[in-house]
Amino acid sequence: MPSLAKAAAQERKARIVALAEKRFVQNGYEQTTVDEIVKEIGLAKGTYYYHFDSKEDLMIAVSEKLILETSTKLNAVYNRRDKDIVWRIRNVLKTYQDDFYRNKGIWRQVYHWRNAMLYHRVAHISAQRFTPILEDLLAEASREGKVELPHPHEAAESLLVLFDLTSRQLCAKTDHARRVRVFETFRFLLAHILSEECVPQFEQEWKEELVSTVRR
């Protein structure tokens, strides 16, 4: 059981992260300052730097929080042993992408071209969390003959790259017809890598509205 001092520090850090997430979504990552966050939460600046080395580290903490939340949801789907493997794959993919849409206010900041180093750090964390879940599902589907994949680990990594590339493309496109083509290509590739029955019906709002409010 953590000491009272450690518990208080964890609670304080969580408050900083929650406020930062709110401000990054409202005002943008570039426009939000550490001074603003420290002042609003009522902390000494030295206390902030006890927890975080920089504003980038704070955005990493926000991203890790969202990645952990998504990972928890994916594991819940993964553990639905009452469902067949195709259902589990389909719903893991759907949950993964729908959570991207739900948290687009943060991810549009991470995906911004100015934040390349930040993006690479977050992508590494994301891959560590999500690759094992998808790999295990693909390996099971391969054993059952539901998909034809020679190497589940590499297939899982490739699928995550595909999701990532599609998200980056959608965040960069302003023309609706172009976004629809990107999305349809994404579904086409998923169906050919896995099978048509493994491709989920993603939320219509994600398809239509994902980048309508992104900051370019």
C-alpha atoms as a PDB file:
ATOM      1  CA  MET A   1       0.000   0.000   0.000  1.00  0.00           C
ATOM      2  CA  PRO A   2       1.513   3.367  -1.030  1.00  0.00           C
ATOM      3  CA  SER A   3       2.444   5.838   1.690  1.00  0.00           C
ATOM      4  CA  LEU A   4       0.284   8.901   2.204  1.00  0.00           C
ATOM      5  CA  ALA A   5       2.985  11.114   0.690  1.00  0.00           C
ATOM      6  CA  LYS A   6       3.282   8.900  -2.395  1.00  0.00           C
ATOM      7  CA  ALA A   7      -0.495   8.711  -2.767  1.00  0.00           C
ATOM      8  CA  ALA A   8      -0.724  12.499  -2.524  1.00  0.00           C
ATOM      9  CA  ALA A   9       1.990  12.879  -5.173  1.00  0.00           C
ATOM     10  CA  GLN A  10       0.173  10.457  -7.495  1.00  0.00           C
ATOM     11  CA  GLU A  11      -3.100  12.323  -6.994  1.00  0.00           C
ATOM     12  CA  ARG A  12      -1.382  15.654  -7.676  1.00  0.00           C
ATOM     13  CA  LYS A  13       0.210  14.299 -10.855  1.00  0.00           C
ATOM     14  CA  ALA A  14      -3.146  12.951 -12.028  1.00  0.00           C
ATOM     15  CA  ARG A  15      -4.704  16.397 -11.490  1.00  0.00           C
ATOM     16  CA  ILE A  16      -1.982  18.029 -13.575  1.00  0.00           C
ATOM     17  CA  VAL A  17      -2.479  15.504 -16.374  1.00  0.00           C
ATOM     18  CA  ALA A  18      -6.275  15.911 -16.332  1.00  0.00           C
ATOM     19  CA  LEU A  19      -6.022  19.704 -16.494  1.00  0.00           C
ATOM     20  CA  ALA A  20      -3.390  19.551 -19.239  1.00  0.00           C
ATOM     21  CA  GLU A  21      -5.600  17.265 -21.339  1.00  0.00           C
ATOM     22  CA  LYS A  22      -8.456  19.749 -20.992  1.00  0.00           C
ATOM     23  CA  ARG A  23      -6.312  22.765 -21.869  1.00  0.00           C
ATOM     24  CA  PHE A  24      -4.541  21.058 -24.792  1.00  0.00           C
ATOM     25  CA  VAL A  25      -7.935  20.229 -26.319  1.00  0.00           C
ATOM     26  CA  GLN A  26      -9.397  23.683 -25.679  1.00  0.00           C
ATOM     27  CA  ASN A  27      -6.430  25.882 -26.562  1.00  0.00           C
ATOM     28  CA  GLY A  28      -3.966  23.678 -28.444  1.00  0.00           C
ATOM     29  CA  TYR A  29      -0.657  22.197 -27.362  1.00  0.00           C
ATOM     30  CA  GLU A  30       1.464  25.038 -28.738  1.00  0.00           C
ATOM     31  CA  GLN A  31      -0.696  27.726 -27.154  1.00  0.00           C
ATOM     32  CA  THR A  32      -0.862  26.169 -23.675  1.00  0.00           C
ATOM     33  CA  THR A  33       1.965  27.057 -21.302  1.00  0.00           C
ATOM     34  CA  VAL A  34       3.290  25.330 -18.203  1.00  0.00           C
ATOM     35  CA  ASP A  35       2.844  28.611 -16.300  1.00  0.00           C
ATOM     36  CA  GLU A  36      -0.882  28.612 -17.099  1.00  0.00           C
ATOM     37  CA  ILE A  37      -1.328  25.043 -15.898  1.00  0.00           C
ATOM     38  CA  VAL A  38       0.679  25.597 -12.719  1.00  0.00           C
ATOM     39  CA  LYS A  39      -1.234  28.788 -11.906  1.00  0.00           C
ATOM     40  CA  GLU A  40      -4.651  27.275 -12.521  1.00  0.00           C
ATOM     41  CA  ILE A  41      -3.996  24.197 -10.427  1.00  0.00           C
ATOM     42  CA  GLY A  42      -2.359  26.229  -7.650  1.00  0.00           C
ATOM     43  CA  LEU A  43       1.080  24.617  -7.556  1.00  0.00           C
ATOM     44  CA  ALA A  44       4.595  25.928  -7.251  1.00  0.00           C
ATOM     45  CA  LYS A  45       6.494  25.601 -10.510  1.00  0.00           C
ATOM     46  CA  GLY A  46       9.098  23.476  -8.765  1.00  0.00           C
ATOM     47  CA  THR A  47       6.368  20.993  -7.861  1.00  0.00           C
ATOM     48  CA  TYR A  48       5.450  20.702 -11.534  1.00  0.00           C
ATOM     49  CA  TYR A  49       9.055  19.953 -12.472  1.00  0.00           C
ATOM     50  CA  TYR A  50       9.171  17.293  -9.764  1.00  0.00           C
ATOM     51  CA  HIS A  51       6.724  15.344 -11.921  1.00  0.00           C
ATOM     52  CA  PHE A  52       7.602  16.457 -15.470  1.00  0.00           C
ATOM     53  CA  ASP A  53      10.789  17.620 -17.157  1.00  0.00           C
ATOM     54  CA  SER A  54       8.994  19.624 -19.853  1.00  0.00           C
ATOM     55  CA  LYS A  55       5.671  20.346 -21.513  1.00  0.00           C
ATOM     56  CA  GLU A  56       6.410  17.534 -23.967  1.00  0.00           C
ATOM     57  CA  ASP A  57       6.708  15.111 -21.044  1.00  0.00           C
ATOM     58  CA  LEU A  58       3.310  16.318 -19.865  1.00  0.00           C
ATOM     59  CA  MET A  59       1.773  15.600 -23.272  1.00  0.00           C
ATOM     60  CA  ILE A  60       3.386  12.160 -23.151  1.00  0.00           C
ATOM     61  CA  ALA A  61       1.669  11.580 -19.796  1.00  0.00           C
ATOM     62  CA  VAL A  62      -1.668  12.668 -21.265  1.00  0.00           C
ATOM     63  CA  SER A  63      -1.125  10.342 -24.229  1.00  0.00           C
ATOM     64  CA  GLU A  64      -0.161   7.447 -21.958  1.00  0.00           C
ATOM     65  CA  LYS A  65      -3.370   7.962 -19.991  1.00  0.00           C
ATOM     66  CA  LEU A  66      -5.480   7.722 -23.141  1.00  0.00           C
ATOM     67  CA  ILE A  67      -3.483   4.754 -24.449  1.00  0.00           C
ATOM     68  CA  LEU A  68      -3.981   2.927 -21.154  1.00  0.00           C
ATOM     69  CA  GLU A  69      -7.722   3.597 -21.275  1.00  0.00           C
ATOM     70  CA  THR A  70      -7.913   2.182 -24.809  1.00  0.00           C
ATOM     71  CA  SER A  71      -5.726  -0.772 -23.863  1.00  0.00           C
ATOM     72  CA  THR A  72      -8.091  -1.611 -21.001  1.00  0.00           C
ATOM     73  CA  LYS A  73     -11.034  -1.632 -23.414  1.00  0.00           C
ATOM     74  CA  LEU A  74      -9.145  -3.783 -25.919  1.00  0.00           C
ATOM     75  CA  ASN A  75      -8.239  -6.307 -23.251  1.00  0.00           C
ATOM     76  CA  ALA A  76     -11.894  -6.512 -22.212  1.00  0.00           C
ATOM     77  CA  VAL A  77     -12.805  -7.404 -25.804  1.00  0.00           C
ATOM     78  CA  TYR A  78      -9.846  -9.775 -26.098  1.00  0.00           C
ATOM     79  CA  ASN A  79     -11.035 -11.678 -22.999  1.00  0.00           C
ATOM     80  CA  ARG A  80     -14.571 -12.223 -24.279  1.00  0.00           C
ATOM     81  CA  ARG A  81     -14.134 -15.979 -24.609  1.00  0.00           C
ATOM     82  CA  ASP A  82     -17.879 -16.356 -25.152  1.00  0.00           C
ATOM     83  CA  LYS A  83     -17.360 -14.719 -28.568  1.00  0.00           C
ATOM     84  CA  ASP A  84     -15.644 -16.224 -31.600  1.00  0.00           C
ATOM     85  CA  ILE A  85     -12.296 -14.980 -32.828  1.00  0.00           C
ATOM     86  CA  VAL A  86     -13.710 -13.018 -35.762  1.00  0.00           C
ATOM     87  CA  TRP A  87     -16.024 -11.068 -33.431  1.00  0.00           C
ATOM     88  CA  ARG A  88     -13.128 -10.311 -31.110  1.00  0.00           C
ATOM     89  CA  ILE A  89     -10.839  -9.104 -33.917  1.00  0.00           C
ATOM     90  CA  ARG A  90     -13.595  -6.979 -35.430  1.00  0.00           C
ATOM     91  CA  ASN A  91     -14.434  -5.349 -32.120  1.00  0.00           C
ATOM     92  CA  VAL A  92     -10.810  -4.784 -31.112  1.00  0.00           C
ATOM     93  CA  LEU A  93     -10.255  -2.938 -34.397  1.00  0.00           C
ATOM     94  CA  LYS A  94     -13.462  -0.964 -33.971  1.00  0.00           C
ATOM     95  CA  THR A  95     -12.689  -0.024 -30.367  1.00  0.00           C
ATOM     96  CA  TYR A  96      -9.154   1.014 -31.308  1.00  0.00           C
ATOM     97  CA  GLN A  97     -10.258   3.361 -34.062  1.00  0.00           C
ATOM     98  CA  ASP A  98     -13.376   4.659 -32.318  1.00  0.00           C
ATOM     99  CA  ASP A  99     -11.232   5.630 -29.334  1.00  0.00           C
ATOM    100  CA  PHE A 100      -8.982   7.550 -31.692  1.00  0.00           C
ATOM    101  CA  TYR A 101     -12.037   9.489 -32.826  1.00  0.00           C
ATOM    102  CA  ARG A 102     -13.241  10.023 -29.259  1.00  0.00           C
ATOM    103  CA  ASN A 103      -9.837  11.450 -28.266  1.00  0.00           C
ATOM    104  CA  LYS A 104      -9.173  13.313 -31.514  1.00  0.00           C
ATOM    105  CA  GLY A 105      -8.767  16.585 -29.627  1.00  0.00           C
ATOM    106  CA  ILE A 106      -5.468  15.276 -28.242  1.00  0.00           C
ATOM    107  CA  TRP A 107      -4.331  13.138 -31.164  1.00  0.00           C
ATOM    108  CA  ARG A 108      -4.637  16.015 -33.613  1.00  0.00           C
ATOM    109  CA  GLN A 109      -2.005  17.797 -31.496  1.00  0.00           C
ATOM    110  CA  VAL A 110       0.299  14.767 -31.413  1.00  0.00           C
ATOM    111  CA  TYR A 111      -0.063  14.243 -35.180  1.00  0.00           C
ATOM    112  CA  HIS A 112       0.753  17.854 -36.010  1.00  0.00           C
ATOM    113  CA  TRP A 113       3.775  18.152 -38.283  1.00  0.00           C
ATOM    114  CA  ARG A 114       5.497  20.471 -35.800  1.00  0.00           C
ATOM    115  CA  ASN A 115       5.481  17.754 -33.136  1.00  0.00           C
ATOM    116  CA  ALA A 116       7.404  15.006 -34.915  1.00  0.00           C
ATOM    117  CA  MET A 117       9.526  13.972 -31.917  1.00  0.00           C
ATOM    118  CA  LEU A 118       6.484  13.923 -29.670  1.00  0.00           C
ATOM    119  CA  TYR A 119       4.621  11.770 -32.183  1.00  0.00           C
ATOM    120  CA  HIS A 120       7.451   9.217 -32.393  1.00  0.00           C
ATOM    121  CA  ARG A 121       7.567   8.862 -28.608  1.00  0.00           C
ATOM    122  CA  VAL A 122       3.823   8.340 -28.411  1.00  0.00           C
ATOM    123  CA  ALA A 123       3.842   5.889 -31.336  1.00  0.00           C
ATOM    124  CA  HIS A 124       6.423   3.761 -29.528  1.00  0.00           C
ATOM    125  CA  ILE A 125       4.308   3.645 -26.358  1.00  0.00           C
ATOM    126  CA  SER A 126       1.221   2.816 -28.396  1.00  0.00           C
ATOM    127  CA  ALA A 127       2.942  -0.040 -30.237  1.00  0.00           C
ATOM    128  CA  GLN A 128       4.154  -1.574 -26.965  1.00  0.00           C
ATOM    129  CA  ARG A 129       0.603  -1.604 -25.596  1.00  0.00           C
ATOM    130  CA  PHE A 130      -1.365  -2.696 -28.634  1.00  0.00           C
ATOM    131  CA  THR A 131       0.877  -5.061 -30.615  1.00  0.00           C
ATOM    132  CA  PRO A 132       0.689  -8.000 -28.130  1.00  0.00           C
ATOM    133  CA  ILE A 133      -3.122  -7.874 -28.011  1.00  0.00           C
ATOM    134  CA  LEU A 134      -3.501  -7.864 -31.770  1.00  0.00           C
ATOM    135  CA  GLU A 135      -0.741 -10.431 -32.249  1.00  0.00           C
ATOM    136  CA  ASP A 136      -2.452 -12.938 -29.946  1.00  0.00           C
ATOM    137  CA  LEU A 137      -5.784 -12.486 -31.720  1.00  0.00           C
ATOM    138  CA  LEU A 138      -4.221 -12.916 -35.154  1.00  0.00           C
ATOM    139  CA  ALA A 139      -2.306 -16.003 -34.040  1.00  0.00           C
ATOM    140  CA  GLU A 140      -5.529 -17.569 -32.741  1.00  0.00           C
ATOM    141  CA  ALA A 141      -7.386 -16.673 -35.933  1.00  0.00           C
ATOM    142  CA  SER A 142      -4.576 -18.165 -37.994  1.00  0.00           C
ATOM    143  CA  ARG A 143      -4.679 -21.435 -36.028  1.00  0.00           C
ATOM    144  CA  GLU A 144      -8.434 -21.625 -36.581  1.00  0.00           C
ATOM    145  CA  GLY A 145      -8.052 -20.965 -40.313  1.00  0.00           C
ATOM    146  CA  LYS A 146     -10.016 -17.699 -40.179  1.00  0.00           C
ATOM    147  CA  VAL A 147      -7.152 -15.661 -41.651  1.00  0.00           C
ATOM    148  CA  GLU A 148      -4.055 -16.531 -43.634  1.00  0.00           C
ATOM    149  CA  LEU A 149      -1.086 -14.824 -42.016  1.00  0.00           C
ATOM    150  CA  PRO A 150       2.369 -16.418 -41.883  1.00  0.00           C
ATOM    151  CA  HIS A 151       3.696 -14.169 -39.111  1.00  0.00           C
ATOM    152  CA  PRO A 152       1.145 -12.820 -36.579  1.00  0.00           C
ATOM    153  CA  HIS A 153       3.610 -10.495 -34.826  1.00  0.00           C
ATOM    154  CA  GLU A 154       4.699  -8.766 -38.007  1.00  0.00           C
ATOM    155  CA  ALA A 155       1.088  -8.690 -39.214  1.00  0.00           C
ATOM    156  CA  ALA A 156       0.011  -6.981 -35.987  1.00  0.00           C
ATOM    157  CA  GLU A 157       2.776  -4.394 -36.359  1.00  0.00           C
ATOM    158  CA  SER A 158       1.786  -3.780 -39.988  1.00  0.00           C
ATOM    159  CA  LEU A 159      -1.881  -3.333 -39.126  1.00  0.00           C
ATOM    160  CA  LEU A 160      -1.023  -0.770 -36.467  1.00  0.00           C
ATOM    161  CA  VAL A 161       1.122   1.082 -39.002  1.00  0.00           C
ATOM    162  CA  LEU A 162      -1.845   1.040 -41.390  1.00  0.00           C
ATOM    163  CA  PHE A 163      -4.160   2.458 -38.728  1.00  0.00           C
ATOM    164  CA  ASP A 164      -1.556   5.070 -37.871  1.00  0.00           C
ATOM    165  CA  LEU A 165      -0.941   6.077 -41.494  1.00  0.00           C
ATOM    166  CA  THR A 166      -4.669   6.325 -42.172  1.00  0.00           C
ATOM    167  CA  SER A 167      -5.165   8.504 -39.099  1.00  0.00           C
ATOM    168  CA  ARG A 168      -2.296  10.774 -40.153  1.00  0.00           C
ATOM    169  CA  GLN A 169      -3.715  11.067 -43.681  1.00  0.00           C
ATOM    170  CA  LEU A 170      -7.180  11.894 -42.395  1.00  0.00           C
ATOM    171  CA  CYS A 171      -5.750  14.515 -40.074  1.00  0.00           C
ATOM    172  CA  ALA A 172      -3.939  16.116 -43.005  1.00  0.00           C
ATOM    173  CA  LYS A 173      -6.769  16.192 -45.556  1.00  0.00           C
ATOM    174  CA  THR A 174      -9.328  18.975 -45.800  1.00  0.00           C
ATOM    175  CA  ASP A 175     -11.323  17.843 -48.814  1.00  0.00           C
ATOM    176  CA  HIS A 176     -14.252  15.580 -47.884  1.00  0.00           C
ATOM    177  CA  ALA A 177     -14.034  13.459 -51.055  1.00  0.00           C
ATOM    178  CA  ARG A 178     -10.322  12.885 -50.421  1.00  0.00           C
ATOM    179  CA  ARG A 179     -11.004  11.801 -46.836  1.00  0.00           C
ATOM    180  CA  VAL A 180     -13.635   9.339 -48.044  1.00  0.00           C
ATOM    181  CA  ARG A 181     -11.143   7.836 -50.523  1.00  0.00           C
ATOM    182  CA  VAL A 182      -8.549   7.462 -47.757  1.00  0.00           C
ATOM    183  CA  PHE A 183     -11.106   5.768 -45.520  1.00  0.00           C
ATOM    184  CA  GLU A 184     -12.331   3.427 -48.275  1.00  0.00           C
ATOM    185  CA  THR A 185      -8.744   2.477 -49.110  1.00  0.00           C
ATOM    186  CA  PHE A 186      -8.165   1.735 -45.435  1.00  0.00           C
ATOM    187  CA  ARG A 187     -11.162  -0.632 -45.335  1.00  0.00           C
ATOM    188  CA  PHE A 188     -10.082  -2.258 -48.614  1.00  0.00           C
ATOM    189  CA  LEU A 189      -6.601  -3.005 -47.260  1.00  0.00           C
ATOM    190  CA  LEU A 190      -7.967  -4.340 -43.967  1.00  0.00           C
ATOM    191  CA  ALA A 191     -10.256  -6.724 -45.837  1.00  0.00           C
ATOM    192  CA  HIS A 192      -7.382  -8.015 -47.969  1.00  0.00           C
ATOM    193  CA  ILE A 193      -4.935  -8.402 -45.101  1.00  0.00           C
ATOM    194  CA  LEU A 194      -7.480 -10.168 -42.884  1.00  0.00           C
ATOM    195  CA  SER A 195     -10.889 -10.951 -44.398  1.00  0.00           C
ATOM    196  CA  GLU A 196     -14.036  -8.999 -45.127  1.00  0.00           C
ATOM    197  CA  GLU A 197     -15.776 -10.459 -42.089  1.00  0.00           C
ATOM    198  CA  CYS A 198     -13.017  -9.137 -39.811  1.00  0.00           C
ATOM    199  CA  VAL A 199     -13.556  -5.529 -40.918  1.00  0.00           C
ATOM    200  CA  PRO A 200     -15.818  -3.643 -38.489  1.00  0.00           C
ATOM    201  CA  GLN A 201     -18.454  -1.069 -39.274  1.00  0.00           C
ATOM    202  CA  PHE A 202     -16.724   2.004 -37.887  1.00  0.00           C
ATOM    203  CA  GLU A 203     -18.773   4.820 -36.456  1.00  0.00           C
ATOM    204  CA  GLN A 204     -20.202   7.053 -39.185  1.00  0.00           C
ATOM    205  CA  GLU A 205     -19.196  10.115 -37.159  1.00  0.00           C
ATOM    206  CA  TRP A 206     -15.559   8.993 -37.351  1.00  0.00           C
ATOM    207  CA  LYS A 207     -15.721   8.667 -41.111  1.00  0.00           C
ATOM    208  CA  GLU A 208     -17.510  11.965 -41.693  1.00  0.00           C
ATOM    209  CA  GLU A 209     -16.259  14.247 -38.955  1.00  0.00           C
ATOM    210  CA  LEU A 210     -12.798  13.125 -37.815  1.00  0.00           C
ATOM    211  CA  VAL A 211     -10.892  15.949 -39.435  1.00  0.00           C
ATOM    212  CA  SER A 212     -13.595  18.579 -39.797  1.00  0.00           C
ATOM    213  CA  THR A 213     -12.257  20.352 -36.714  1.00  0.00           C
ATOM    214  CA  VAL A 214      -8.545  19.496 -36.776  1.00  0.00           C
ATOM    215  CA  ARG A 215      -6.028  22.300 -36.604  1.00  0.00           C
ATOM    216  CA  ARG A 216      -3.689  22.300 -39.549  1.00  0.00           C
END
